[in-house]
PDB file of N, CA and C in Angstrom:
ATOM      1  N   MET A   1     289.065 160.915 158.579  1.00  0.00           N
ATOM      2  CA  MET A   1     287.839 160.617 159.296  1.00  0.00           C
ATOM      3  C   MET A   1     287.769 161.493 160.544  1.00  0.00           C
ATOM      4  N   SER A   2     286.650 162.093 160.734  1.00  0.00           N
ATOM      5  CA  SER A   2     286.407 162.899 161.923  1.00  0.00           C
ATOM      6  C   SER A   2     285.977 161.983 163.066  1.00  0.00           C
ATOM      7  N   LEU A   3     286.557 162.182 164.229  1.00  0.00           N
ATOM      8  CA  LEU A   3     286.285 161.327 165.372  1.00  0.00           C
ATOM      9  C   LEU A   3     284.996 161.748 166.067  1.00  0.00           C
ATOM     10  N   HIS A   4     284.129 160.766 166.359  1.00  0.00           N
ATOM     11  CA  HIS A   4     282.865 161.017 167.043  1.00  0.00           C
ATOM     12  C   HIS A   4     282.685 160.031 168.187  1.00  0.00           C
ATOM     13  N   VAL A   5     282.052 160.474 169.255  1.00  0.00           N
ATOM     14  CA  VAL A   5     281.603 159.575 170.316  1.00  0.00           C
ATOM     15  C   VAL A   5     280.248 159.039 169.861  1.00  0.00           C
ATOM     16  N   THR A   6     280.113 157.706 169.829  1.00  0.00           N
ATOM     17  CA  THR A   6     278.852 157.110 169.374  1.00  0.00           C
ATOM     18  C   THR A   6     277.991 156.611 170.524  1.00  0.00           C
ATOM     19  N   SER A   7     278.609 156.378 171.685  1.00  0.00           N
ATOM     20  CA  SER A   7     277.836 156.029 172.879  1.00  0.00           C
ATOM     21  C   SER A   7     278.659 156.366 174.113  1.00  0.00           C
ATOM     22  N   ALA A   8     277.945 156.648 175.187  1.00  0.00           N
ATOM     23  CA  ALA A   8     278.594 156.981 176.455  1.00  0.00           C
ATOM     24  C   ALA A   8     277.687 156.533 177.589  1.00  0.00           C
ATOM     25  N   THR A   9     278.290 155.859 178.575  1.00  0.00           N
ATOM     26  CA  THR A   9     277.543 155.326 179.703  1.00  0.00           C
ATOM     27  C   THR A   9     278.275 155.653 180.995  1.00  0.00           C
ATOM     28  N   TYR A  10     277.544 156.167 181.967  1.00  0.00           N
ATOM     29  CA  TYR A  10     278.138 156.437 183.275  1.00  0.00           C
ATOM     30  C   TYR A  10     278.550 155.117 183.911  1.00  0.00           C
ATOM     31  N   MET A  11     279.754 155.100 184.514  1.00  0.00           N
ATOM     32  CA  MET A  11     280.251 153.890 185.172  1.00  0.00           C
ATOM     33  C   MET A  11     280.166 154.025 186.696  1.00  0.00           C
ATOM     34  N   GLU A  12     281.045 154.876 187.233  1.00  0.00           N
ATOM     35  CA  GLU A  12     281.111 155.115 188.675  1.00  0.00           C
ATOM     36  C   GLU A  12     281.976 156.341 188.905  1.00  0.00           C
ATOM     37  N   ASP A  13     281.876 156.910 190.090  1.00  0.00           N
ATOM     38  CA  ASP A  13     282.645 158.100 190.431  1.00  0.00           C
ATOM     39  C   ASP A  13     282.542 159.112 189.277  1.00  0.00           C
ATOM     40  N   TYR A  14     283.661 159.411 188.633  1.00  0.00           N
ATOM     41  CA  TYR A  14     283.661 160.353 187.501  1.00  0.00           C
ATOM     42  C   TYR A  14     284.161 159.658 186.236  1.00  0.00           C
ATOM     43  N   LYS A  15     283.786 158.395 186.102  1.00  0.00           N
ATOM     44  CA  LYS A  15     284.209 157.581 184.960  1.00  0.00           C
ATOM     45  C   LYS A  15     283.047 157.341 184.009  1.00  0.00           C
ATOM     46  N   VAL A  16     283.386 157.408 182.716  1.00  0.00           N
ATOM     47  CA  VAL A  16     282.411 157.221 181.653  1.00  0.00           C
ATOM     48  C   VAL A  16     282.980 156.222 180.648  1.00  0.00           C
ATOM     49  N   ALA A  17     282.191 155.231 180.286  1.00  0.00           N
ATOM     50  CA  ALA A  17     282.566 154.305 179.215  1.00  0.00           C
ATOM     51  C   ALA A  17     282.143 154.943 177.897  1.00  0.00           C
ATOM     52  N   VAL A  18     283.074 155.032 176.960  1.00  0.00           N
ATOM     53  CA  VAL A  18     282.801 155.679 175.682  1.00  0.00           C
ATOM     54  C   VAL A  18     283.138 154.740 174.526  1.00  0.00           C
ATOM     55  N   THR A  19     282.366 154.880 173.462  1.00  0.00           N
ATOM     56  CA  THR A  19     282.615 154.171 172.217  1.00  0.00           C
ATOM     57  C   THR A  19     282.732 155.222 171.128  1.00  0.00           C
ATOM     58  N   PHE A  20     283.697 155.015 170.237  1.00  0.00           N
ATOM     59  CA  PHE A  20     283.963 155.966 169.171  1.00  0.00           C
ATOM     60  C   PHE A  20     283.594 155.370 167.819  1.00  0.00           C
ATOM     61  N   ASN A  21     283.465 156.225 166.825  1.00  0.00           N
ATOM     62  CA  ASN A  21     283.046 155.782 165.497  1.00  0.00           C
ATOM     63  C   ASN A  21     284.098 154.934 164.778  1.00  0.00           C
ATOM     64  N   ASP A  22     285.280 154.801 165.353  1.00  0.00           N
ATOM     65  CA  ASP A  22     286.268 153.878 164.783  1.00  0.00           C
ATOM     66  C   ASP A  22     286.165 152.495 165.418  1.00  0.00           C
ATOM     67  N   GLY A  23     285.174 152.320 166.325  1.00  0.00           N
ATOM     68  CA  GLY A  23     284.938 151.035 166.972  1.00  0.00           C
ATOM     69  C   GLY A  23     285.649 150.845 168.298  1.00  0.00           C
ATOM     70  N   LYS A  24     286.583 151.723 168.628  1.00  0.00           N
ATOM     71  CA  LYS A  24     287.317 151.578 169.889  1.00  0.00           C
ATOM     72  C   LYS A  24     286.430 151.958 171.067  1.00  0.00           C
ATOM     73  N   ARG A  25     286.592 151.203 172.159  1.00  0.00           N
ATOM     74  CA  ARG A  25     285.855 151.442 173.395  1.00  0.00           C
ATOM     75  C   ARG A  25     286.842 151.596 174.534  1.00  0.00           C
ATOM     76  N   GLY A  26     286.539 152.515 175.431  1.00  0.00           N
ATOM     77  CA  GLY A  26     287.416 152.731 176.575  1.00  0.00           C
ATOM     78  C   GLY A  26     286.670 153.419 177.697  1.00  0.00           C
ATOM     79  N   ILE A  27     287.391 153.607 178.793  1.00  0.00           N
ATOM     80  CA  ILE A  27     286.833 154.287 179.957  1.00  0.00           C
ATOM     81  C   ILE A  27     287.665 155.524 180.221  1.00  0.00           C
ATOM     82  N   VAL A  28     286.984 156.655 180.397  1.00  0.00           N
ATOM     83  CA  VAL A  28     287.667 157.900 180.715  1.00  0.00           C
ATOM     84  C   VAL A  28     287.355 158.273 182.158  1.00  0.00           C
ATOM     85  N   ASP A  29     288.391 158.645 182.878  1.00  0.00           N
ATOM     86  CA  ASP A  29     288.246 159.152 184.238  1.00  0.00           C
ATOM     87  C   ASP A  29     288.392 160.667 184.156  1.00  0.00           C
ATOM     88  N   LEU A  30     287.306 161.375 184.405  1.00  0.00           N
ATOM     89  CA  LEU A  30     287.294 162.825 184.248  1.00  0.00           C
ATOM     90  C   LEU A  30     287.503 163.568 185.557  1.00  0.00           C
ATOM     91  N   SER A  31     287.830 162.871 186.625  1.00  0.00           N
ATOM     92  CA  SER A  31     287.965 163.506 187.950  1.00  0.00           C
ATOM     93  C   SER A  31     289.025 164.610 187.961  1.00  0.00           C
ATOM     94  N   ALA A  32     290.087 164.476 187.186  1.00  0.00           N
ATOM     95  CA  ALA A  32     291.179 165.455 187.206  1.00  0.00           C
ATOM     96  C   ALA A  32     290.837 166.768 186.506  1.00  0.00           C
ATOM     97  N   ILE A  33     289.788 166.790 185.712  1.00  0.00           N
ATOM     98  CA  ILE A  33     289.480 168.017 184.955  1.00  0.00           C
ATOM     99  C   ILE A  33     288.316 168.805 185.537  1.00  0.00           C
ATOM    100  N   LEU A  34     287.779 168.361 186.659  1.00  0.00           N
ATOM    101  CA  LEU A  34     286.586 168.998 187.211  1.00  0.00           C
ATOM    102  C   LEU A  34     286.937 170.223 188.049  1.00  0.00           C
ATOM    103  N   CYS A  35     287.454 171.240 187.379  1.00  0.00           N
ATOM    104  CA  CYS A  35     287.800 172.499 188.034  1.00  0.00           C
ATOM    105  C   CYS A  35     287.486 173.643 187.084  1.00  0.00           C
ATOM    106  N   GLY A  36     287.495 174.845 187.603  1.00  0.00           N
ATOM    107  CA  GLY A  36     287.174 176.017 186.790  1.00  0.00           C
ATOM    108  C   GLY A  36     285.673 176.241 186.730  1.00  0.00           C
ATOM    109  N   PRO A  37     285.279 177.357 186.185  1.00  0.00           N
ATOM    110  CA  PRO A  37     283.867 177.743 186.222  1.00  0.00           C
ATOM    111  C   PRO A  37     282.916 176.805 185.474  1.00  0.00           C
ATOM    112  N   VAL A  38     283.378 176.155 184.425  1.00  0.00           N
ATOM    113  CA  VAL A  38     282.487 175.287 183.653  1.00  0.00           C
ATOM    114  C   VAL A  38     282.430 173.872 184.222  1.00  0.00           C
ATOM    115  N   PHE A  39     283.576 173.343 184.630  1.00  0.00           N
ATOM    116  CA  PHE A  39     283.623 171.944 185.037  1.00  0.00           C
ATOM    117  C   PHE A  39     283.498 171.717 186.544  1.00  0.00           C
ATOM    118  N   ALA A  40     283.800 172.701 187.376  1.00  0.00           N
ATOM    119  CA  ALA A  40     283.698 172.526 188.834  1.00  0.00           C
ATOM    120  C   ALA A  40     282.292 172.117 189.274  1.00  0.00           C
ATOM    121  N   PRO A  41     281.225 172.657 188.687  1.00  0.00           N
ATOM    122  CA  PRO A  41     279.893 172.220 189.107  1.00  0.00           C
ATOM    123  C   PRO A  41     279.650 170.722 188.917  1.00  0.00           C
ATOM    124  N   LEU A  42     280.431 170.096 188.033  1.00  0.00           N
ATOM    125  CA  LEU A  42     280.266 168.665 187.778  1.00  0.00           C
ATOM    126  C   LEU A  42     280.880 167.800 188.872  1.00  0.00           C
ATOM    127  N   GLN A  43     281.523 168.429 189.861  1.00  0.00           N
ATOM    128  CA  GLN A  43     281.983 167.678 191.026  1.00  0.00           C
ATOM    129  C   GLN A  43     280.797 167.110 191.794  1.00  0.00           C
ATOM    130  N   ASP A  44     279.644 167.728 191.650  1.00  0.00           N
ATOM    131  CA  ASP A  44     278.398 167.177 192.185  1.00  0.00           C
ATOM    132  C   ASP A  44     278.069 165.965 191.314  1.00  0.00           C
ATOM    133  N   ARG A  45     278.249 164.789 191.869  1.00  0.00           N
ATOM    134  CA  ARG A  45     278.117 163.569 191.072  1.00  0.00           C
ATOM    135  C   ARG A  45     276.736 163.433 190.436  1.00  0.00           C
ATOM    136  N   SER A  46     275.698 163.894 191.128  1.00  0.00           N
ATOM    137  CA  SER A  46     274.358 163.787 190.537  1.00  0.00           C
ATOM    138  C   SER A  46     274.261 164.642 189.277  1.00  0.00           C
ATOM    139  N   MET A  47     274.985 165.753 189.227  1.00  0.00           N
ATOM    140  CA  MET A  47     275.023 166.577 188.020  1.00  0.00           C
ATOM    141  C   MET A  47     275.929 165.941 186.962  1.00  0.00           C
ATOM    142  N   PHE A  48     277.066 165.404 187.399  1.00  0.00           N
ATOM    143  CA  PHE A  48     278.002 164.756 186.480  1.00  0.00           C
ATOM    144  C   PHE A  48     277.327 163.623 185.711  1.00  0.00           C
ATOM    145  N   MET A  49     276.544 162.838 186.412  1.00  0.00           N
ATOM    146  CA  MET A  49     275.907 161.661 185.824  1.00  0.00           C
ATOM    147  C   MET A  49     274.877 162.012 184.749  1.00  0.00           C
ATOM    148  N   ARG A  50     274.454 163.252 184.689  1.00  0.00           N
ATOM    149  CA  ARG A  50     273.373 163.650 183.794  1.00  0.00           C
ATOM    150  C   ARG A  50     273.883 164.183 182.453  1.00  0.00           C
ATOM    151  N   PHE A  51     274.938 163.606 181.929  1.00  0.00           N
ATOM    152  CA  PHE A  51     275.420 163.984 180.603  1.00  0.00           C
ATOM    153  C   PHE A  51     274.557 163.301 179.543  1.00  0.00           C
ATOM    154  N   ARG A  52     274.691 163.801 178.343  1.00  0.00           N
ATOM    155  CA  ARG A  52     274.018 163.168 177.207  1.00  0.00           C
ATOM    156  C   ARG A  52     274.947 163.236 176.000  1.00  0.00           C
ATOM    157  N   LEU A  53     274.638 162.437 175.028  1.00  0.00           N
ATOM    158  CA  LEU A  53     275.394 162.454 173.783  1.00  0.00           C
ATOM    159  C   LEU A  53     274.740 163.470 172.850  1.00  0.00           C
ATOM    160  N   ASP A  54     275.499 164.467 172.446  1.00  0.00           N
ATOM    161  CA  ASP A  54     274.990 165.499 171.548  1.00  0.00           C
ATOM    162  C   ASP A  54     275.258 165.056 170.112  1.00  0.00           C
ATOM    163  N   GLU A  55     274.208 164.887 169.340  1.00  0.00           N
ATOM    164  CA  GLU A  55     274.345 164.384 167.967  1.00  0.00           C
ATOM    165  C   GLU A  55     274.973 165.401 167.021  1.00  0.00           C
ATOM    166  N   GLU A  56     274.893 166.661 167.366  1.00  0.00           N
ATOM    167  CA  GLU A  56     275.495 167.686 166.519  1.00  0.00           C
ATOM    168  C   GLU A  56     276.993 167.837 166.802  1.00  0.00           C
ATOM    169  N   LEU A  57     277.352 167.823 168.086  1.00  0.00           N
ATOM    170  CA  LEU A  57     278.756 167.961 168.480  1.00  0.00           C
ATOM    171  C   LEU A  57     279.503 166.632 168.465  1.00  0.00           C
ATOM    172  N   HIS A  58     278.770 165.526 168.473  1.00  0.00           N
ATOM    173  CA  HIS A  58     279.357 164.181 168.460  1.00  0.00           C
ATOM    174  C   HIS A  58     280.216 163.915 169.693  1.00  0.00           C
ATOM    175  N   THR A  59     279.759 164.397 170.832  1.00  0.00           N
ATOM    176  CA  THR A  59     280.470 164.187 172.083  1.00  0.00           C
ATOM    177  C   THR A  59     279.485 164.269 173.234  1.00  0.00           C
ATOM    178  N   ILE A  60     279.991 164.090 174.456  1.00  0.00           N
ATOM    179  CA  ILE A  60     279.118 164.196 175.617  1.00  0.00           C
ATOM    180  C   ILE A  60     279.033 165.649 176.070  1.00  0.00           C
ATOM    181  N   VAL A  61     277.857 166.020 176.525  1.00  0.00           N
ATOM    182  CA  VAL A  61     277.607 167.373 177.024  1.00  0.00           C
ATOM    183  C   VAL A  61     276.802 167.272 178.323  1.00  0.00           C
ATOM    184  N   TRP A  62     276.928 168.314 179.127  1.00  0.00           N
ATOM    185  CA  TRP A  62     276.192 168.372 180.386  1.00  0.00           C
ATOM    186  C   TRP A  62     275.184 169.511 180.341  1.00  0.00           C
ATOM    187  N   LEU A  63     274.258 169.484 181.288  1.00  0.00           N
ATOM    188  CA  LEU A  63     273.188 170.483 181.332  1.00  0.00           C
ATOM    189  C   LEU A  63     273.706 171.906 181.483  1.00  0.00           C
ATOM    190  N   ASN A  64     274.875 172.068 182.110  1.00  0.00           N
ATOM    191  CA  ASN A  64     275.417 173.421 182.316  1.00  0.00           C
ATOM    192  C   ASN A  64     276.176 173.937 181.083  1.00  0.00           C
ATOM    193  N   GLY A  65     276.172 173.176 179.999  1.00  0.00           N
ATOM    194  CA  GLY A  65     276.844 173.597 178.774  1.00  0.00           C
ATOM    195  C   GLY A  65     278.253 173.062 178.612  1.00  0.00           C
ATOM    196  N   ALA A  66     278.778 172.382 179.599  1.00  0.00           N
ATOM    197  CA  ALA A  66     280.127 171.812 179.499  1.00  0.00           C
ATOM    198  C   ALA A  66     280.140 170.688 178.460  1.00  0.00           C
ATOM    199  N   ASP A  67     281.223 170.613 177.720  1.00  0.00           N
ATOM    200  CA  ASP A  67     281.431 169.504 176.792  1.00  0.00           C
ATOM    201  C   ASP A  67     282.934 169.310 176.620  1.00  0.00           C
ATOM    202  N   LEU A  68     283.299 168.160 176.097  1.00  0.00           N
ATOM    203  CA  LEU A  68     284.711 167.839 175.850  1.00  0.00           C
ATOM    204  C   LEU A  68     284.870 167.351 174.418  1.00  0.00           C
ATOM    205  N   ALA A  69     285.945 167.768 173.785  1.00  0.00           N
ATOM    206  CA  ALA A  69     286.223 167.336 172.417  1.00  0.00           C
ATOM    207  C   ALA A  69     286.343 165.816 172.368  1.00  0.00           C
ATOM    208  N   PRO A  70     285.790 165.197 171.340  1.00  0.00           N
ATOM    209  CA  PRO A  70     285.929 163.745 171.206  1.00  0.00           C
ATOM    210  C   PRO A  70     287.396 163.302 171.195  1.00  0.00           C
ATOM    211  N   GLU A  71     288.268 164.116 170.593  1.00  0.00           N
ATOM    212  CA  GLU A  71     289.693 163.776 170.545  1.00  0.00           C
ATOM    213  C   GLU A  71     290.297 163.732 171.947  1.00  0.00           C
ATOM    214  N   TYR A  72     289.869 164.639 172.808  1.00  0.00           N
ATOM    215  CA  TYR A  72     290.387 164.649 174.171  1.00  0.00           C
ATOM    216  C   TYR A  72     289.900 163.426 174.938  1.00  0.00           C
ATOM    217  N   LEU A  73     288.641 163.056 174.758  1.00  0.00           N
ATOM    218  CA  LEU A  73     288.125 161.844 175.401  1.00  0.00           C
ATOM    219  C   LEU A  73     288.884 160.614 174.901  1.00  0.00           C
ATOM    220  N   TYR A  74     289.170 160.584 173.618  1.00  0.00           N
ATOM    221  CA  TYR A  74     289.933 159.483 173.009  1.00  0.00           C
ATOM    222  C   TYR A  74     291.326 159.412 173.635  1.00  0.00           C
ATOM    223  N   PHE A  75     291.943 160.577 173.770  1.00  0.00           N
ATOM    224  CA  PHE A  75     293.265 160.639 174.396  1.00  0.00           C
ATOM    225  C   PHE A  75     293.205 160.106 175.823  1.00  0.00           C
ATOM    226  N   LEU A  76     292.225 160.539 176.604  1.00  0.00           N
ATOM    227  CA  LEU A  76     292.112 160.071 177.983  1.00  0.00           C
ATOM    228  C   LEU A  76     291.884 158.560 178.052  1.00  0.00           C
ATOM    229  N   ALA A  77     291.110 158.040 177.136  1.00  0.00           N
ATOM    230  CA  ALA A  77     290.801 156.611 177.140  1.00  0.00           C
ATOM    231  C   ALA A  77     291.985 155.750 176.716  1.00  0.00           C
ATOM    232  N   PHE A  78     292.809 156.262 175.806  1.00  0.00           N
ATOM    233  CA  PHE A  78     293.848 155.428 175.191  1.00  0.00           C
ATOM    234  C   PHE A  78     295.257 156.018 175.284  1.00  0.00           C
ATOM    235  N   ALA A  79     295.492 156.882 176.239  1.00  0.00           N
ATOM    236  CA  ALA A  79     296.791 157.558 176.370  1.00  0.00           C
ATOM    237  C   ALA A  79     297.961 156.584 176.507  1.00  0.00           C
ATOM    238  N   ASP A  80     297.717 155.407 177.027  1.00  0.00           N
ATOM    239  CA  ASP A  80     298.789 154.430 177.235  1.00  0.00           C
ATOM    240  C   ASP A  80     299.054 153.545 176.017  1.00  0.00           C
ATOM    241  N   ASP A  81     298.308 153.738 174.941  1.00  0.00           N
ATOM    242  CA  ASP A  81     298.458 152.913 173.753  1.00  0.00           C
ATOM    243  C   ASP A  81     299.579 153.493 172.884  1.00  0.00           C
ATOM    244  N   PRO A  82     300.736 152.825 172.825  1.00  0.00           N
ATOM    245  CA  PRO A  82     301.864 153.362 172.065  1.00  0.00           C
ATOM    246  C   PRO A  82     301.573 153.525 170.574  1.00  0.00           C
ATOM    247  N   SER A  83     300.655 152.749 170.039  1.00  0.00           N
ATOM    248  CA  SER A  83     300.352 152.859 168.612  1.00  0.00           C
ATOM    249  C   SER A  83     299.603 154.149 168.278  1.00  0.00           C
ATOM    250  N   LEU A  84     299.108 154.845 169.289  1.00  0.00           N
ATOM    251  CA  LEU A  84     298.363 156.085 169.058  1.00  0.00           C
ATOM    252  C   LEU A  84     299.172 157.345 169.374  1.00  0.00           C
ATOM    253  N   ARG A  85     300.395 157.188 169.818  1.00  0.00           N
ATOM    254  CA  ARG A  85     301.209 158.348 170.214  1.00  0.00           C
ATOM    255  C   ARG A  85     301.365 159.371 169.095  1.00  0.00           C
ATOM    256  N   ARG A  86     301.567 158.917 167.877  1.00  0.00           N
ATOM    257  CA  ARG A  86     301.734 159.837 166.754  1.00  0.00           C
ATOM    258  C   ARG A  86     300.459 160.671 166.551  1.00  0.00           C
ATOM    259  N   GLN A  87     299.304 160.018 166.651  1.00  0.00           N
ATOM    260  CA  GLN A  87     298.035 160.735 166.490  1.00  0.00           C
ATOM    261  C   GLN A  87     297.838 161.750 167.615  1.00  0.00           C
ATOM    262  N   PHE A  88     298.162 161.351 168.841  1.00  0.00           N
ATOM    263  CA  PHE A  88     297.999 162.267 169.973  1.00  0.00           C
ATOM    264  C   PHE A  88     298.924 163.474 169.831  1.00  0.00           C
ATOM    265  N   LYS A  89     300.115 163.236 169.338  1.00  0.00           N
ATOM    266  CA  LYS A  89     301.030 164.347 169.119  1.00  0.00           C
ATOM    267  C   LYS A  89     300.492 165.281 168.049  1.00  0.00           C
ATOM    268  N   LYS A  90     299.912 164.731 167.014  1.00  0.00           N
ATOM    269  CA  LYS A  90     299.303 165.534 165.951  1.00  0.00           C
ATOM    270  C   LYS A  90     298.177 166.403 166.505  1.00  0.00           C
ATOM    271  N   TRP A  91     297.426 165.864 167.458  1.00  0.00           N
ATOM    272  CA  TRP A  91     296.343 166.614 168.108  1.00  0.00           C
ATOM    273  C   TRP A  91     296.870 167.537 169.196  1.00  0.00           C
ATOM    274  N   ASP A  92     298.167 167.474 169.477  1.00  0.00           N
ATOM    275  CA  ASP A  92     298.819 168.269 170.512  1.00  0.00           C
ATOM    276  C   ASP A  92     298.444 167.819 171.926  1.00  0.00           C
ATOM    277  N   TYR A  93     298.220 166.505 172.087  1.00  0.00           N
ATOM    278  CA  TYR A  93     297.989 165.911 173.409  1.00  0.00           C
ATOM    279  C   TYR A  93     299.198 165.046 173.736  1.00  0.00           C
ATOM    280  N   THR A  94     299.701 165.181 174.940  1.00  0.00           N
ATOM    281  CA  THR A  94     300.818 164.340 175.355  1.00  0.00           C
ATOM    282  C   THR A  94     300.520 163.746 176.735  1.00  0.00           C
ATOM    283  N   ALA A  95     300.982 162.535 176.925  1.00  0.00           N
ATOM    284  CA  ALA A  95     300.761 161.835 178.200  1.00  0.00           C
ATOM    285  C   ALA A  95     301.847 162.185 179.177  1.00  0.00           C
TER     286      ALA A  95
END
């Protein structure tokens, strides 16, 4: 099964509540990744808040073209879940 973000809602600061097509829901804090030419502009919270769910990419995207893989959002939301460690390792994400 390919992982998709099915809904995303701005929470506060740089946090987004996300729901995935496997039914899992979590909150991702994206404050640590807001650097570099693509993501640094999203430090402006008014710009950060203006993401949308892209139906083709199945993830959240911003007006400046920034997007994040659904698997990475899943990892950020559930990195502390020991039952998912094998999957995260398969995706090459480690906590």
